[in-house]
N, C-alpha and C. Protein backbone atom coordinates (compact mmCIF):
# COMPACT_ATOMS: atom_id res chain seq x y z
N MET A 1 0.84 -1.17 0.00
CA MET A 1 0.00 0.00 0.00
C MET A 1 0.89 1.24 0.00
N SER A 2 0.50 2.23 -0.80
CA SER A 2 1.33 3.42 -0.90
C SER A 2 1.21 4.28 0.36
N ASP A 3 2.22 5.11 0.56
CA ASP A 3 2.22 6.02 1.71
C ASP A 3 1.04 6.98 1.65
N GLU A 4 0.67 7.42 0.43
CA GLU A 4 -0.46 8.35 0.28
C GLU A 4 -1.77 7.71 0.71
N ILE A 5 -1.99 6.47 0.33
CA ILE A 5 -3.22 5.77 0.70
C ILE A 5 -3.24 5.53 2.21
N SER A 6 -2.11 5.14 2.76
CA SER A 6 -2.03 4.94 4.22
C SER A 6 -2.32 6.23 4.97
N ALA A 7 -1.76 7.33 4.48
CA ALA A 7 -1.98 8.63 5.12
C ALA A 7 -3.45 9.04 5.01
N LEU A 8 -4.07 8.80 3.86
CA LEU A 8 -5.47 9.14 3.66
C LEU A 8 -6.37 8.32 4.59
N ARG A 9 -6.10 7.04 4.70
CA ARG A 9 -6.89 6.19 5.61
C ARG A 9 -6.74 6.64 7.06
N LEU A 10 -5.54 6.99 7.44
CA LEU A 10 -5.30 7.47 8.79
C LEU A 10 -6.04 8.79 9.04
N GLN A 11 -6.01 9.68 8.07
CA GLN A 11 -6.70 10.96 8.18
C GLN A 11 -8.22 10.74 8.28
N GLU A 12 -8.77 9.84 7.49
CA GLU A 12 -10.21 9.55 7.54
C GLU A 12 -10.59 8.95 8.89
N ALA A 13 -9.76 8.06 9.41
CA ALA A 13 -10.03 7.45 10.72
C ALA A 13 -9.99 8.52 11.81
N TRP A 14 -9.03 9.42 11.72
CA TRP A 14 -8.92 10.50 12.70
C TRP A 14 -10.15 11.40 12.66
N SER A 15 -10.61 11.75 11.47
CA SER A 15 -11.79 12.60 11.32
C SER A 15 -13.03 11.92 11.89
N GLU A 16 -13.16 10.63 11.68
CA GLU A 16 -14.28 9.88 12.23
C GLU A 16 -14.25 9.93 13.77
N CYS A 17 -13.08 9.77 14.34
CA CYS A 17 -12.94 9.84 15.80
C CYS A 17 -13.27 11.24 16.30
N GLU A 18 -12.79 12.26 15.61
CA GLU A 18 -13.06 13.64 16.01
C GLU A 18 -14.57 13.92 16.04
N ARG A 19 -15.31 13.45 15.03
CA ARG A 19 -16.76 13.64 15.01
C ARG A 19 -17.41 12.99 16.23
N ASN A 20 -17.00 11.78 16.53
CA ASN A 20 -17.58 11.07 17.66
C ASN A 20 -17.22 11.73 18.99
N ILE A 21 -16.01 12.23 19.10
CA ILE A 21 -15.59 12.92 20.32
C ILE A 21 -16.43 14.18 20.53
N TYR A 22 -16.66 14.92 19.47
CA TYR A 22 -17.45 16.14 19.57
C TYR A 22 -18.84 15.83 20.15
N HIS A 23 -19.52 14.84 19.59
CA HIS A 23 -20.87 14.50 20.05
C HIS A 23 -20.85 13.85 21.43
N LEU A 24 -19.83 13.09 21.73
CA LEU A 24 -19.68 12.49 23.05
C LEU A 24 -19.54 13.59 24.11
N CYS A 25 -18.75 14.59 23.83
CA CYS A 25 -18.56 15.70 24.77
C CYS A 25 -19.84 16.50 24.96
N ARG A 26 -20.58 16.69 23.90
CA ARG A 26 -21.88 17.39 24.02
C ARG A 26 -22.82 16.62 24.93
N ALA A 27 -22.86 15.30 24.75
CA ALA A 27 -23.72 14.47 25.61
C ALA A 27 -23.25 14.54 27.06
N LEU A 28 -21.96 14.51 27.28
CA LEU A 28 -21.43 14.60 28.65
C LEU A 28 -21.80 15.93 29.30
N THR A 29 -21.76 17.00 28.53
CA THR A 29 -22.13 18.31 29.06
C THR A 29 -23.58 18.29 29.54
N LEU A 30 -24.45 17.68 28.77
CA LEU A 30 -25.86 17.60 29.16
C LEU A 30 -26.08 16.68 30.35
N LEU A 31 -25.19 15.71 30.52
CA LEU A 31 -25.32 14.76 31.63
C LEU A 31 -24.64 15.22 32.91
N ASP A 32 -23.81 16.24 32.83
CA ASP A 32 -23.07 16.72 34.01
C ASP A 32 -23.93 16.87 35.26
N PRO A 33 -25.12 17.48 35.17
CA PRO A 33 -25.90 17.71 36.39
C PRO A 33 -26.35 16.42 37.10
N ILE A 34 -26.37 15.31 36.41
CA ILE A 34 -26.86 14.07 37.03
C ILE A 34 -25.76 13.03 37.23
N MET A 35 -24.51 13.45 37.09
CA MET A 35 -23.40 12.52 37.27
C MET A 35 -22.78 12.70 38.64
N PRO A 36 -22.28 11.68 39.31
CA PRO A 36 -22.31 10.30 38.82
C PRO A 36 -23.72 9.73 38.90
N MET A 37 -24.02 8.88 37.97
CA MET A 37 -25.35 8.28 37.84
C MET A 37 -25.53 7.21 38.92
N THR A 38 -26.68 7.25 39.56
CA THR A 38 -27.04 6.21 40.53
C THR A 38 -28.29 5.52 40.02
N GLY A 39 -28.65 4.39 40.61
CA GLY A 39 -29.86 3.69 40.22
C GLY A 39 -31.10 4.55 40.41
N GLU A 40 -31.12 5.32 41.49
CA GLU A 40 -32.26 6.21 41.76
C GLU A 40 -32.39 7.29 40.69
N ILE A 41 -31.28 7.91 40.34
CA ILE A 41 -31.28 8.93 39.28
C ILE A 41 -31.70 8.30 37.96
N PHE A 42 -31.17 7.13 37.68
CA PHE A 42 -31.46 6.43 36.43
C PHE A 42 -32.96 6.20 36.26
N GLU A 43 -33.62 5.82 37.33
CA GLU A 43 -35.06 5.53 37.26
C GLU A 43 -35.91 6.78 37.08
N GLN A 44 -35.34 7.96 37.36
CA GLN A 44 -36.11 9.20 37.29
C GLN A 44 -35.69 10.09 36.12
N LEU A 45 -34.99 9.55 35.16
CA LEU A 45 -34.53 10.36 34.03
C LEU A 45 -35.71 10.89 33.22
N THR A 46 -35.56 12.14 32.78
CA THR A 46 -36.54 12.72 31.88
C THR A 46 -36.27 12.19 30.47
N ASP A 47 -37.20 12.44 29.56
CA ASP A 47 -36.99 12.00 28.18
C ASP A 47 -35.75 12.62 27.56
N VAL A 48 -35.52 13.90 27.87
CA VAL A 48 -34.33 14.59 27.34
C VAL A 48 -33.06 13.95 27.91
N GLN A 49 -33.07 13.61 29.19
CA GLN A 49 -31.90 12.97 29.80
C GLN A 49 -31.67 11.58 29.22
N VAL A 50 -32.75 10.85 28.96
CA VAL A 50 -32.62 9.53 28.32
C VAL A 50 -31.98 9.68 26.95
N GLN A 51 -32.38 10.71 26.20
CA GLN A 51 -31.77 10.95 24.90
C GLN A 51 -30.29 11.27 25.03
N SER A 52 -29.93 12.01 26.07
CA SER A 52 -28.51 12.32 26.29
C SER A 52 -27.72 11.06 26.67
N VAL A 53 -28.32 10.21 27.49
CA VAL A 53 -27.68 8.94 27.84
C VAL A 53 -27.50 8.09 26.59
N ASP A 54 -28.55 8.02 25.77
CA ASP A 54 -28.47 7.25 24.53
C ASP A 54 -27.37 7.80 23.62
N GLN A 55 -27.31 9.14 23.51
CA GLN A 55 -26.29 9.77 22.67
C GLN A 55 -24.89 9.46 23.19
N PHE A 56 -24.73 9.54 24.51
CA PHE A 56 -23.43 9.22 25.11
C PHE A 56 -23.03 7.78 24.79
N ILE A 57 -23.93 6.85 25.03
CA ILE A 57 -23.61 5.44 24.80
C ILE A 57 -23.33 5.18 23.33
N LEU A 58 -24.14 5.76 22.45
CA LEU A 58 -23.93 5.59 21.01
C LEU A 58 -22.55 6.11 20.60
N ARG A 59 -22.22 7.33 21.02
CA ARG A 59 -20.94 7.92 20.60
C ARG A 59 -19.74 7.27 21.28
N PHE A 60 -19.91 6.87 22.53
CA PHE A 60 -18.83 6.15 23.21
C PHE A 60 -18.54 4.85 22.47
N THR A 61 -19.60 4.14 22.11
CA THR A 61 -19.45 2.87 21.39
C THR A 61 -18.85 3.09 20.00
N LYS A 62 -19.38 4.09 19.29
CA LYS A 62 -18.86 4.38 17.95
C LYS A 62 -17.40 4.82 18.00
N LEU A 63 -17.05 5.60 19.00
CA LEU A 63 -15.66 6.04 19.13
C LEU A 63 -14.75 4.84 19.37
N GLN A 64 -15.15 3.97 20.27
CA GLN A 64 -14.34 2.78 20.53
C GLN A 64 -14.18 1.93 19.27
N ASP A 65 -15.27 1.73 18.57
CA ASP A 65 -15.23 0.94 17.34
C ASP A 65 -14.33 1.59 16.29
N ALA A 66 -14.47 2.92 16.14
CA ALA A 66 -13.66 3.63 15.15
C ALA A 66 -12.17 3.55 15.49
N MET A 67 -11.86 3.70 16.76
CA MET A 67 -10.45 3.63 17.16
C MET A 67 -9.91 2.22 16.99
N ASP A 68 -10.67 1.24 17.48
CA ASP A 68 -10.22 -0.15 17.39
C ASP A 68 -10.11 -0.62 15.94
N ASN A 69 -11.13 -0.36 15.14
CA ASN A 69 -11.21 -0.93 13.80
C ASN A 69 -10.54 -0.09 12.72
N HIS A 70 -10.40 1.21 12.97
CA HIS A 70 -9.87 2.07 11.91
C HIS A 70 -8.59 2.79 12.31
N LEU A 71 -8.66 3.56 13.39
CA LEU A 71 -7.53 4.42 13.74
C LEU A 71 -6.27 3.62 14.08
N PHE A 72 -6.40 2.65 14.96
CA PHE A 72 -5.21 1.89 15.37
C PHE A 72 -4.62 1.10 14.20
N SER A 73 -5.48 0.46 13.43
CA SER A 73 -5.00 -0.31 12.28
C SER A 73 -4.37 0.60 11.23
N SER A 74 -5.03 1.74 10.95
CA SER A 74 -4.48 2.69 9.97
C SER A 74 -3.17 3.28 10.45
N GLY A 75 -3.09 3.57 11.74
CA GLY A 75 -1.85 4.11 12.29
C GLY A 75 -0.69 3.14 12.16
N LEU A 76 -0.95 1.89 12.51
CA LEU A 76 0.11 0.88 12.38
C LEU A 76 0.50 0.66 10.93
N GLN A 77 -0.50 0.69 10.05
CA GLN A 77 -0.22 0.53 8.62
C GLN A 77 0.63 1.70 8.12
N TYR A 78 0.28 2.91 8.53
CA TYR A 78 1.03 4.09 8.13
C TYR A 78 2.48 4.01 8.60
N LEU A 79 2.67 3.45 9.80
CA LEU A 79 4.02 3.28 10.35
C LEU A 79 4.74 2.07 9.77
N GLN A 80 4.07 1.38 8.86
CA GLN A 80 4.59 0.19 8.19
C GLN A 80 4.87 -0.95 9.16
N GLU A 81 4.01 -1.04 10.16
CA GLU A 81 4.04 -2.15 11.11
C GLU A 81 3.14 -3.25 10.56
N GLN A 82 3.58 -4.47 10.59
CA GLN A 82 2.82 -5.59 10.03
C GLN A 82 1.90 -6.21 11.09
N TYR A 83 0.77 -5.54 11.35
CA TYR A 83 -0.14 -6.00 12.40
C TYR A 83 -1.57 -6.21 11.91
N GLU A 84 -1.79 -6.25 10.59
CA GLU A 84 -3.14 -6.36 10.05
C GLU A 84 -3.89 -7.57 10.59
N GLU A 85 -3.23 -8.69 10.66
CA GLU A 85 -3.89 -9.95 11.04
C GLU A 85 -3.71 -10.29 12.52
N ARG A 86 -3.14 -9.40 13.28
CA ARG A 86 -2.87 -9.67 14.69
C ARG A 86 -4.08 -9.33 15.55
N PRO A 87 -4.22 -9.98 16.70
CA PRO A 87 -5.32 -9.65 17.62
C PRO A 87 -5.18 -8.22 18.14
N MET A 88 -6.30 -7.67 18.59
CA MET A 88 -6.32 -6.28 19.06
C MET A 88 -5.34 -6.07 20.21
N LEU A 89 -5.23 -7.01 21.12
CA LEU A 89 -4.31 -6.85 22.24
C LEU A 89 -2.88 -6.68 21.76
N ASP A 90 -2.48 -7.41 20.72
CA ASP A 90 -1.14 -7.24 20.15
C ASP A 90 -0.96 -5.83 19.57
N LYS A 91 -2.01 -5.34 18.90
CA LYS A 91 -1.95 -3.98 18.34
C LYS A 91 -1.81 -2.95 19.45
N LEU A 92 -2.59 -3.12 20.50
CA LEU A 92 -2.52 -2.18 21.62
C LEU A 92 -1.14 -2.20 22.27
N ASN A 93 -0.60 -3.38 22.47
CA ASN A 93 0.73 -3.49 23.07
C ASN A 93 1.79 -2.85 22.18
N ARG A 94 1.66 -3.03 20.86
CA ARG A 94 2.62 -2.42 19.94
C ARG A 94 2.51 -0.90 19.97
N LEU A 95 1.28 -0.39 19.98
CA LEU A 95 1.09 1.07 20.05
C LEU A 95 1.63 1.64 21.35
N GLU A 96 1.51 0.88 22.43
CA GLU A 96 2.08 1.32 23.70
C GLU A 96 3.60 1.34 23.61
N LYS A 97 4.16 0.30 23.05
CA LYS A 97 5.63 0.23 22.92
C LYS A 97 6.17 1.37 22.05
N LEU A 98 5.39 1.76 21.03
CA LEU A 98 5.78 2.87 20.16
C LEU A 98 5.44 4.24 20.77
N ARG A 99 4.81 4.22 21.94
CA ARG A 99 4.43 5.42 22.69
C ARG A 99 3.31 6.23 22.04
N TYR A 100 2.45 5.55 21.29
CA TYR A 100 1.25 6.19 20.75
C TYR A 100 0.06 5.95 21.67
N LEU A 101 0.22 5.04 22.60
CA LEU A 101 -0.82 4.71 23.56
C LEU A 101 -0.14 4.65 24.93
N GLN A 102 -0.72 5.33 25.90
CA GLN A 102 -0.07 5.39 27.21
C GLN A 102 -0.08 4.05 27.93
N ASN A 103 -1.22 3.34 27.85
CA ASN A 103 -1.35 2.13 28.64
C ASN A 103 -2.31 1.17 27.95
N ALA A 104 -1.79 0.09 27.41
CA ALA A 104 -2.61 -0.89 26.70
C ALA A 104 -3.63 -1.55 27.62
N GLU A 105 -3.27 -1.79 28.85
CA GLU A 105 -4.20 -2.43 29.79
C GLU A 105 -5.37 -1.50 30.11
N ALA A 106 -5.10 -0.22 30.28
CA ALA A 106 -6.17 0.75 30.53
C ALA A 106 -7.11 0.81 29.32
N TRP A 107 -6.53 0.74 28.13
CA TRP A 107 -7.37 0.76 26.94
C TRP A 107 -8.25 -0.49 26.88
N GLN A 108 -7.72 -1.60 27.27
CA GLN A 108 -8.50 -2.84 27.31
C GLN A 108 -9.67 -2.69 28.29
N ASN A 109 -9.44 -2.02 29.42
CA ASN A 109 -10.53 -1.77 30.38
C ASN A 109 -11.61 -0.88 29.76
N ILE A 110 -11.21 0.11 28.99
CA ILE A 110 -12.18 0.97 28.30
C ILE A 110 -12.99 0.14 27.31
N ARG A 111 -12.34 -0.75 26.61
CA ARG A 111 -13.05 -1.63 25.66
C ARG A 111 -14.05 -2.52 26.40
N ASN A 112 -13.68 -3.00 27.57
CA ASN A 112 -14.59 -3.82 28.37
C ASN A 112 -15.80 -3.00 28.83
N THR A 113 -15.58 -1.74 29.19
CA THR A 113 -16.68 -0.86 29.57
C THR A 113 -17.63 -0.69 28.39
N ARG A 114 -17.08 -0.50 27.22
CA ARG A 114 -17.90 -0.38 26.00
C ARG A 114 -18.76 -1.62 25.82
N ASN A 115 -18.20 -2.78 26.03
CA ASN A 115 -18.95 -4.02 25.88
C ASN A 115 -20.06 -4.13 26.93
N LYS A 116 -19.79 -3.65 28.12
CA LYS A 116 -20.82 -3.69 29.18
C LYS A 116 -21.96 -2.74 28.84
N PHE A 117 -21.65 -1.57 28.28
CA PHE A 117 -22.71 -0.67 27.82
C PHE A 117 -23.61 -1.40 26.82
N ALA A 118 -22.98 -2.07 25.90
CA ALA A 118 -23.71 -2.73 24.82
C ALA A 118 -24.64 -3.81 25.35
N HIS A 119 -24.30 -4.44 26.48
CA HIS A 119 -25.08 -5.57 26.96
C HIS A 119 -26.04 -5.22 28.09
N ASP A 120 -25.85 -4.12 28.81
CA ASP A 120 -26.68 -3.83 29.98
C ASP A 120 -27.70 -2.73 29.79
N TYR A 121 -27.56 -1.89 28.83
CA TYR A 121 -28.43 -0.74 28.67
C TYR A 121 -29.28 -0.95 27.45
N PRO A 122 -30.51 -0.50 27.38
CA PRO A 122 -31.20 0.45 28.21
C PRO A 122 -32.33 -0.12 29.06
N ASP A 123 -32.71 -1.38 28.90
CA ASP A 123 -33.95 -1.85 29.50
C ASP A 123 -33.84 -2.48 30.87
N ASP A 124 -32.66 -2.55 31.45
CA ASP A 124 -32.50 -3.23 32.73
C ASP A 124 -32.38 -2.22 33.86
N ASN A 125 -33.52 -1.72 34.35
CA ASN A 125 -33.54 -0.72 35.41
C ASN A 125 -33.10 -1.28 36.75
N GLU A 126 -33.09 -2.59 36.91
CA GLU A 126 -32.73 -3.18 38.20
C GLU A 126 -31.23 -3.20 38.43
N LYS A 127 -30.47 -3.18 37.37
CA LYS A 127 -29.01 -3.16 37.52
C LYS A 127 -28.54 -1.71 37.57
N MET A 128 -27.46 -1.49 38.29
CA MET A 128 -26.85 -0.15 38.31
C MET A 128 -26.44 0.17 36.88
N PRO A 129 -26.85 1.30 36.36
CA PRO A 129 -26.48 1.63 34.98
C PRO A 129 -24.97 1.75 34.82
N ARG A 130 -24.51 1.40 33.67
CA ARG A 130 -23.07 1.43 33.41
C ARG A 130 -22.51 2.83 33.41
N LEU A 131 -23.37 3.82 33.32
CA LEU A 131 -22.86 5.20 33.39
C LEU A 131 -22.22 5.49 34.72
N SER A 132 -22.57 4.74 35.76
CA SER A 132 -21.94 4.97 37.06
C SER A 132 -20.46 4.60 37.01
N MET A 133 -20.06 3.84 35.99
CA MET A 133 -18.66 3.46 35.83
C MET A 133 -17.84 4.59 35.23
N TRP A 134 -18.53 5.54 34.58
CA TRP A 134 -17.81 6.63 33.93
C TRP A 134 -17.21 7.53 34.98
N PRO A 135 -15.97 7.93 34.83
CA PRO A 135 -15.34 8.77 35.84
C PRO A 135 -16.05 10.12 35.96
N VAL A 136 -16.12 10.63 37.18
CA VAL A 136 -16.74 11.92 37.42
C VAL A 136 -15.93 13.02 36.74
N LYS A 137 -14.63 12.87 36.74
CA LYS A 137 -13.76 13.85 36.09
C LYS A 137 -13.96 13.77 34.57
N ARG A 138 -14.20 14.92 33.97
CA ARG A 138 -14.42 14.96 32.52
C ARG A 138 -13.12 14.68 31.77
N PRO A 139 -13.23 13.96 30.66
CA PRO A 139 -12.04 13.75 29.84
C PRO A 139 -11.45 15.09 29.40
N ARG A 140 -10.18 15.16 29.28
CA ARG A 140 -9.46 16.39 28.92
C ARG A 140 -9.99 17.00 27.63
N ARG A 141 -10.35 16.16 26.67
CA ARG A 141 -10.84 16.65 25.38
C ARG A 141 -12.17 17.38 25.49
N CYS A 142 -12.93 17.12 26.55
CA CYS A 142 -14.29 17.66 26.67
C CYS A 142 -14.35 18.92 27.53
N THR A 143 -13.22 19.48 27.86
CA THR A 143 -13.26 20.69 28.69
C THR A 143 -12.96 21.91 27.86
């Protein structure tokens, strides 16, 4: 693959992540007054708050998918690293070794949180919502 194509794929992956980050931060701003989320708060959400929770979960999931499936693979390809057929954990460890990712294990925990969102929300009011797992401190990008 040519350097130009690799660079274009990386740029497209980055733009996709930027779009998702923008909408994720907007949802977080709307959710600030009710965070951290508790079961009691979850049961009393207004329709607008439910839409914000849905937006947050959608964008969090899409961001994770975009980074896992596009950004990391495109980045490694651009760097001419041969990791196309390797498992995600190998890619994460390589990105950490190259210092493009601070902590592969922390990223794996974020991926697990994404999977829990996908399996527990929205119809299970008896379980503590996964939003309670989200840190109270806002991500640096959203400030």
